[in-house]
Amino acid sequence: MRITELCANWQELMDLYPSFKCLRANPSRIFTEGSLKALYPALNSTELGTVMALFGSTAQEVATLRHDLATLIGVGKGSNGLTAQMPSFVAKFSFDHVAWMNDPMFISKMCTCVNHARALGTAVVNAFSAQTDSIDYRVLCEAMKFHFLVGPDDDTWDDIRQRMIITRTGLAGSFRLAATAKDTDFAGYVNTKAASTNFPQSPNTISWRDGYNRELVSGSIHIDYGLFKTPPIATARGTGYLLKQLTIAAIIFHEATHRWVQTDDDSGYLWEAPYHRAYPDVRLNNADCYAWVAASVWLGRVIKSETDPEVMM
């Protein structure tokens, strides 16, 4: 993929990835003639001196650029092979799914499900500020009681509201969606990785191999891309589970809470017994609780199990 296919100009690319600012000498040449995939091999250690001389960059700057470029184009261990710009989000494809990039039904389903997840966030955030006698607020209260075991008078009510707002805001912006690894049984996940920015040493940073103190942050939202096929060919939980669009949107929202508010899965998933036995303090950080409250509010009734007709086909 050429740099010009990702951004309209060099400044836009640097705004997305500040590490590109280290290419101080004649960056327009790289932007117009080079490509992301062609640039990456030049950043390997065997050619590092040439790159440093050509662009007037330090070794540390080039190391950071190499890390960001690998993330951007999807190369290296555990990453995806190709990157495509979708409306308001970036989709990363593994080589196993590269043919799906040219499948209009697949792309349409992916965009529809992402927008549906955004709609869940909008619905639940709006419900928190709705009139107390409205249907939306009533469904919100019922869903919060079922999934979080809390009500409007509980101390954690506003904490949950704030996390819903942050998640909705994150989904509304530009983010990276990636395919799950082919050997996973999860419908989705979010990995933790080190950011490229150099932070002061603190308990929230890790000393990275390039010498930078990097803050640990959540990476791309990984989703089983089989869910975007028509009909879905989900591999999570075994072949044969066909999930409805609302459920796929809820999975994206679930992973978005991992991405932006660092939730966990400690009390399990909707279809598991521990989910329904967990105490409120454990549920507060459980991603599935957020996803199914949001989905319930959007649907207009409380979803209580995987046997709900809106969950599976």
Protein backbone atom coordinates (compact mmCIF):
# COMPACT_ATOMS: atom_id res chain seq x y z
CA MET A 1 0.00 0.00 0.00
CA ARG A 2 1.39 3.39 -0.98
CA ILE A 3 1.58 6.12 1.62
CA THR A 4 -0.58 8.25 -0.68
CA GLU A 5 -3.35 5.66 -0.39
CA LEU A 6 -3.49 6.18 3.37
CA CYS A 7 -3.14 9.96 3.69
CA ALA A 8 -3.76 12.93 1.46
CA ASN A 9 -0.40 14.52 2.26
CA TRP A 10 2.78 14.11 4.28
CA GLN A 11 1.55 16.35 7.10
CA GLU A 12 -1.51 14.16 7.60
CA LEU A 13 0.71 11.09 7.90
CA MET A 14 2.91 12.79 10.50
CA ASP A 15 -0.19 13.78 12.46
CA LEU A 16 -1.20 10.12 12.58
CA TYR A 17 2.30 8.83 13.33
CA PRO A 18 4.59 11.51 14.84
CA SER A 19 7.58 9.18 14.45
CA PHE A 20 7.54 9.91 10.70
CA LYS A 21 8.80 13.40 11.55
CA CYS A 22 12.28 11.90 11.86
CA LEU A 23 12.38 11.68 8.04
CA ARG A 24 13.42 15.29 7.90
CA ALA A 25 15.32 15.28 4.59
CA ASN A 26 13.06 15.56 1.55
CA PRO A 27 10.09 13.57 2.90
CA SER A 28 8.02 14.41 -0.20
CA ARG A 29 10.26 12.07 -2.21
CA ILE A 30 9.28 9.13 -0.02
CA PHE A 31 5.67 10.19 0.01
CA THR A 32 5.30 10.39 -3.76
CA GLU A 33 7.66 7.65 -4.95
CA GLY A 34 8.04 5.24 -2.07
CA SER A 35 5.57 2.94 -0.38
CA LEU A 36 5.01 1.82 3.16
CA LYS A 37 6.03 -1.73 2.34
CA ALA A 38 9.15 -0.58 0.47
CA LEU A 39 10.20 1.72 3.28
CA TYR A 40 10.05 -0.93 6.02
CA PRO A 41 12.92 -3.16 4.77
CA ALA A 42 15.15 -0.08 4.56
CA LEU A 43 14.73 0.37 8.31
CA ASN A 44 16.30 -2.97 9.13
CA SER A 45 19.55 -2.81 11.06
CA THR A 46 21.71 -3.76 8.04
CA GLU A 47 20.68 -0.56 6.27
CA LEU A 48 20.23 1.59 9.35
CA GLY A 49 23.33 3.70 8.67
CA THR A 50 22.14 4.49 5.15
CA VAL A 51 18.72 5.53 6.41
CA MET A 52 20.23 7.69 9.15
CA ALA A 53 22.49 9.45 6.66
CA LEU A 54 19.73 9.91 4.09
CA PHE A 55 17.14 11.34 6.43
CA GLY A 56 19.29 12.94 9.12
CA SER A 57 17.78 10.69 11.79
CA THR A 58 19.16 9.15 14.95
CA ALA A 59 19.18 5.40 15.56
CA GLN A 60 16.54 5.76 18.26
CA GLU A 61 14.27 7.75 15.96
CA VAL A 62 14.57 5.15 13.23
CA ALA A 63 13.87 2.33 15.71
CA THR A 64 10.66 4.05 16.81
CA LEU A 65 9.67 4.67 13.20
CA ARG A 66 10.27 1.01 12.37
CA HIS A 67 7.98 -0.04 15.24
CA ASP A 68 5.18 2.32 14.15
CA LEU A 69 5.54 1.41 10.50
CA ALA A 70 5.29 -2.29 11.33
CA THR A 71 2.09 -1.59 13.24
CA LEU A 72 0.71 0.50 10.40
CA ILE A 73 1.32 -1.89 7.52
CA GLY A 74 0.99 -5.11 9.49
CA VAL A 75 4.34 -6.84 9.33
CA GLY A 76 6.30 -8.79 11.88
CA LYS A 77 5.35 -11.38 14.46
CA GLY A 78 1.63 -11.75 15.07
CA SER A 79 0.61 -8.86 12.84
CA ASN A 80 -1.64 -8.59 9.84
CA GLY A 81 -0.52 -8.44 6.24
CA LEU A 82 -2.47 -5.62 4.58
CA THR A 83 -4.18 -2.45 5.70
CA ALA A 84 -7.24 -0.84 4.09
CA GLN A 85 -8.86 2.49 4.86
CA MET A 86 -12.58 2.10 5.56
CA PRO A 87 -14.99 4.95 6.25
CA SER A 88 -13.78 6.30 9.62
CA PHE A 89 -11.73 3.24 10.62
CA VAL A 90 -8.77 1.21 9.37
CA ALA A 91 -9.16 -2.52 8.69
CA LYS A 92 -6.10 -4.78 8.90
CA PHE A 93 -6.19 -8.07 6.99
CA SER A 94 -4.17 -11.21 7.57
CA PHE A 95 -2.87 -13.02 4.52
CA ASP A 96 -5.50 -15.70 5.18
CA HIS A 97 -8.25 -13.14 4.55
CA VAL A 98 -6.69 -10.97 1.86
CA ALA A 99 -9.18 -12.14 -0.78
CA TRP A 100 -12.01 -10.77 1.36
CA MET A 101 -10.71 -7.23 0.85
CA ASN A 102 -12.28 -7.35 -2.63
CA ASP A 103 -15.56 -8.91 -1.50
CA PRO A 104 -18.16 -6.09 -1.49
CA MET A 105 -20.59 -8.07 0.69
CA PHE A 106 -17.86 -8.68 3.26
CA ILE A 107 -16.80 -5.02 3.33
CA SER A 108 -20.42 -3.89 3.58
CA LYS A 109 -21.10 -6.29 6.47
CA MET A 110 -17.95 -5.17 8.29
CA CYS A 111 -18.88 -1.49 8.01
CA THR A 112 -22.49 -2.21 8.98
CA CYS A 113 -21.44 -4.11 12.12
CA VAL A 114 -18.98 -1.39 13.16
CA ASN A 115 -21.67 1.25 12.71
CA HIS A 116 -24.09 -0.94 14.65
CA ALA A 117 -21.58 -1.12 17.52
CA ARG A 118 -21.37 2.67 17.41
CA ALA A 119 -25.16 2.80 17.57
CA LEU A 120 -25.11 0.66 20.73
CA GLY A 121 -22.79 3.20 22.34
CA THR A 122 -24.94 6.14 21.32
CA ALA A 123 -28.11 4.44 22.57
CA VAL A 124 -26.76 3.57 26.01
CA VAL A 125 -25.07 6.95 26.58
CA ASN A 126 -28.26 8.77 25.60
CA ALA A 127 -30.30 6.53 27.91
CA PHE A 128 -28.23 7.58 30.93
CA SER A 129 -29.36 11.18 30.41
CA ALA A 130 -32.94 10.36 29.33
CA GLN A 131 -36.00 11.32 31.33
CA THR A 132 -36.51 8.92 34.23
CA ASP A 133 -40.01 8.08 33.02
CA SER A 134 -38.86 7.25 29.47
CA ILE A 135 -38.76 3.74 28.01
CA ASP A 136 -35.03 4.03 27.31
CA TYR A 137 -34.26 4.88 30.93
CA ARG A 138 -36.49 2.07 32.19
CA VAL A 139 -34.75 -0.48 29.97
CA LEU A 140 -31.38 0.91 31.06
CA CYS A 141 -32.27 0.46 34.72
CA GLU A 142 -33.50 -3.09 34.12
CA ALA A 143 -30.39 -3.98 32.12
CA MET A 144 -28.04 -2.44 34.69
CA LYS A 145 -29.79 -4.37 37.46
CA PHE A 146 -29.53 -7.66 35.57
CA HIS A 147 -25.98 -7.35 34.21
CA PHE A 148 -24.25 -5.18 36.84
CA LEU A 149 -26.56 -5.73 39.87
CA VAL A 150 -26.70 -1.95 40.41
CA GLY A 151 -29.28 0.81 40.27
CA PRO A 152 -29.25 4.61 39.89
CA ASP A 153 -28.55 5.12 43.59
CA ASP A 154 -25.46 2.91 43.66
CA ASP A 155 -22.02 4.52 43.77
CA THR A 156 -20.83 2.64 40.67
CA TRP A 157 -23.69 3.88 38.46
CA ASP A 158 -21.77 6.98 37.38
CA ASP A 159 -18.52 5.01 36.95
CA ILE A 160 -20.27 2.74 34.48
CA ARG A 161 -21.80 5.73 32.71
CA GLN A 162 -18.38 7.35 32.31
CA ARG A 163 -16.90 4.16 30.89
CA MET A 164 -19.78 3.89 28.42
CA ILE A 165 -19.12 7.47 27.31
CA ILE A 166 -15.39 6.81 26.82
CA THR A 167 -16.11 3.64 24.85
CA ARG A 168 -18.70 5.38 22.68
CA THR A 169 -16.24 8.21 22.00
CA GLY A 170 -13.48 5.76 21.07
CA LEU A 171 -15.71 3.87 18.64
CA ALA A 172 -16.95 7.11 17.11
CA GLY A 173 -13.41 8.09 16.12
CA SER A 174 -10.90 6.43 13.82
CA PHE A 175 -9.54 3.14 15.14
CA ARG A 176 -7.91 -0.04 13.85
CA LEU A 177 -9.90 -3.24 13.35
CA ALA A 178 -7.82 -6.38 12.80
CA ALA A 179 -8.40 -10.06 12.08
CA THR A 180 -7.94 -12.51 14.93
CA ALA A 181 -5.04 -14.95 14.77
CA LYS A 182 -5.97 -18.12 12.90
CA ASP A 183 -5.19 -20.35 15.88
CA THR A 184 -7.51 -18.58 18.35
CA ASP A 185 -10.96 -19.70 19.48
CA PHE A 186 -12.01 -16.21 20.53
CA ALA A 187 -14.51 -14.10 18.61
CA GLY A 188 -12.37 -11.09 19.48
CA TYR A 189 -9.58 -9.76 21.67
CA VAL A 190 -7.39 -6.72 22.32
CA ASN A 191 -3.66 -7.06 22.93
CA THR A 192 -1.59 -4.79 25.15
CA LYS A 193 1.53 -3.27 23.59
CA ALA A 194 4.00 -0.46 24.15
CA ALA A 195 3.32 2.99 22.70
CA SER A 196 5.95 4.72 20.58
CA THR A 197 6.10 7.90 22.65
CA ASN A 198 8.95 8.32 25.15
CA PHE A 199 7.41 8.71 28.62
CA PRO A 200 9.08 9.44 31.97
CA GLN A 201 9.76 6.29 33.97
CA SER A 202 6.69 5.28 35.98
CA PRO A 203 4.75 2.17 37.07
CA ASN A 204 2.72 2.50 33.84
CA THR A 205 5.73 2.32 31.52
CA ILE A 206 8.07 -0.40 30.34
CA SER A 207 11.67 -0.04 29.20
CA TRP A 208 11.49 -1.04 25.52
CA ARG A 209 14.25 -2.61 23.44
CA ASP A 210 14.96 0.69 21.62
CA GLY A 211 15.75 2.41 24.93
CA TYR A 212 12.49 4.36 25.19
CA ASN A 213 10.24 4.31 28.23
CA ARG A 214 6.97 3.36 26.63
CA GLU A 215 3.49 3.45 28.10
CA LEU A 216 1.60 0.17 27.91
CA VAL A 217 -1.50 0.74 25.80
CA SER A 218 -4.17 -1.40 24.18
CA GLY A 219 -3.75 -2.21 20.51
CA SER A 220 -6.13 -2.91 17.65
CA ILE A 221 -9.58 -4.40 18.15
CA HIS A 222 -9.25 -7.95 16.79
CA ILE A 223 -12.43 -9.61 15.51
CA ASP A 224 -13.02 -13.00 13.92
CA TYR A 225 -13.46 -11.80 10.32
CA GLY A 226 -15.57 -14.86 9.58
CA LEU A 227 -18.37 -13.03 11.38
CA PHE A 228 -18.49 -10.52 8.52
CA LYS A 229 -19.18 -13.17 5.90
CA THR A 230 -22.74 -13.79 4.69
CA PRO A 231 -23.84 -15.99 6.33
CA PRO A 232 -21.33 -15.69 9.21
CA ILE A 233 -18.76 -18.48 9.43
CA ALA A 234 -17.73 -17.86 13.03
CA THR A 235 -14.92 -20.06 14.29
CA ALA A 236 -15.20 -18.90 17.91
CA ARG A 237 -16.78 -21.46 20.27
CA GLY A 238 -16.67 -24.01 17.46
CA THR A 239 -17.95 -24.11 13.91
CA GLY A 240 -21.71 -23.85 13.57
CA TYR A 241 -22.46 -20.94 15.89
CA LEU A 242 -24.18 -18.36 13.71
CA LEU A 243 -24.41 -15.00 15.41
CA LYS A 244 -26.90 -12.30 14.53
CA GLN A 245 -25.75 -8.79 13.65
CA LEU A 246 -26.66 -7.40 17.08
CA THR A 247 -24.38 -9.98 18.70
CA ILE A 248 -21.50 -9.13 16.34
CA ALA A 249 -21.98 -5.45 17.20
CA ALA A 250 -21.98 -6.39 20.90
CA ILE A 251 -18.71 -8.30 20.41
CA ILE A 252 -17.14 -5.20 18.85
CA PHE A 253 -18.45 -3.08 21.73
CA HIS A 254 -17.12 -5.67 24.22
CA GLU A 255 -13.65 -5.44 22.68
CA ALA A 256 -13.91 -1.65 22.55
CA THR A 257 -14.27 -1.57 26.34
CA HIS A 258 -11.04 -3.57 26.56
CA ARG A 259 -9.44 -1.06 24.19
CA TRP A 260 -10.51 2.19 25.84
CA VAL A 261 -11.47 1.51 29.47
CA GLN A 262 -9.29 -1.57 30.19
CA THR A 263 -12.08 -3.95 31.17
CA ASP A 264 -11.43 -7.65 31.76
CA ASP A 265 -13.31 -10.94 31.36
CA ASP A 266 -12.99 -12.08 34.96
CA SER A 267 -16.70 -12.81 35.46
CA GLY A 268 -16.99 -14.51 32.09
CA TYR A 269 -19.43 -14.22 29.24
CA LEU A 270 -23.21 -14.09 28.98
CA TRP A 271 -23.52 -17.81 28.17
CA GLU A 272 -21.40 -18.92 31.14
CA ALA A 273 -22.59 -19.65 34.68
CA PRO A 274 -19.91 -17.50 36.43
CA TYR A 275 -21.28 -14.44 34.61
CA HIS A 276 -24.59 -14.79 36.43
CA ARG A 277 -23.02 -15.60 39.82
CA ALA A 278 -20.46 -12.77 39.95
CA TYR A 279 -20.57 -10.05 42.59
CA PRO A 280 -21.09 -6.40 41.57
CA ASP A 281 -17.46 -5.40 42.18
CA VAL A 282 -16.28 -8.04 39.70
CA ARG A 283 -18.95 -7.16 37.15
CA LEU A 284 -17.87 -3.51 37.23
CA ASN A 285 -14.80 -4.37 35.15
CA ASN A 286 -16.33 -7.13 33.03
CA ALA A 287 -16.52 -6.31 29.32
CA ASP A 288 -19.55 -8.46 28.53
CA CYS A 289 -21.65 -6.60 31.11
CA TYR A 290 -21.05 -3.35 29.24
CA ALA A 291 -21.75 -4.92 25.86
CA TRP A 292 -25.06 -6.50 26.81
CA VAL A 293 -26.34 -3.45 28.67
CA ALA A 294 -25.63 -1.38 25.55
CA ALA A 295 -27.22 -4.01 23.30
CA SER A 296 -30.26 -4.26 25.58
CA VAL A 297 -30.86 -0.52 25.55
CA TRP A 298 -30.51 -0.41 21.76
CA LEU A 299 -32.94 -3.35 21.40
CA GLY A 300 -35.44 -1.93 23.87
CA ARG A 301 -35.52 -4.94 26.20
CA VAL A 302 -33.08 -6.80 28.42
CA ILE A 303 -31.02 -9.56 26.80
CA LYS A 304 -30.53 -12.23 29.48
CA SER A 305 -28.95 -15.23 27.75
CA GLU A 306 -27.53 -16.56 24.51
CA THR A 307 -30.88 -18.22 23.81
CA ASP A 308 -32.40 -14.80 23.11
CA PRO A 309 -33.63 -14.81 19.48
CA GLU A 310 -31.59 -11.66 18.75
CA VAL A 311 -28.33 -13.32 19.80
CA MET A 312 -28.02 -16.40 17.59
CA MET A 313 -29.58 -17.51 14.33
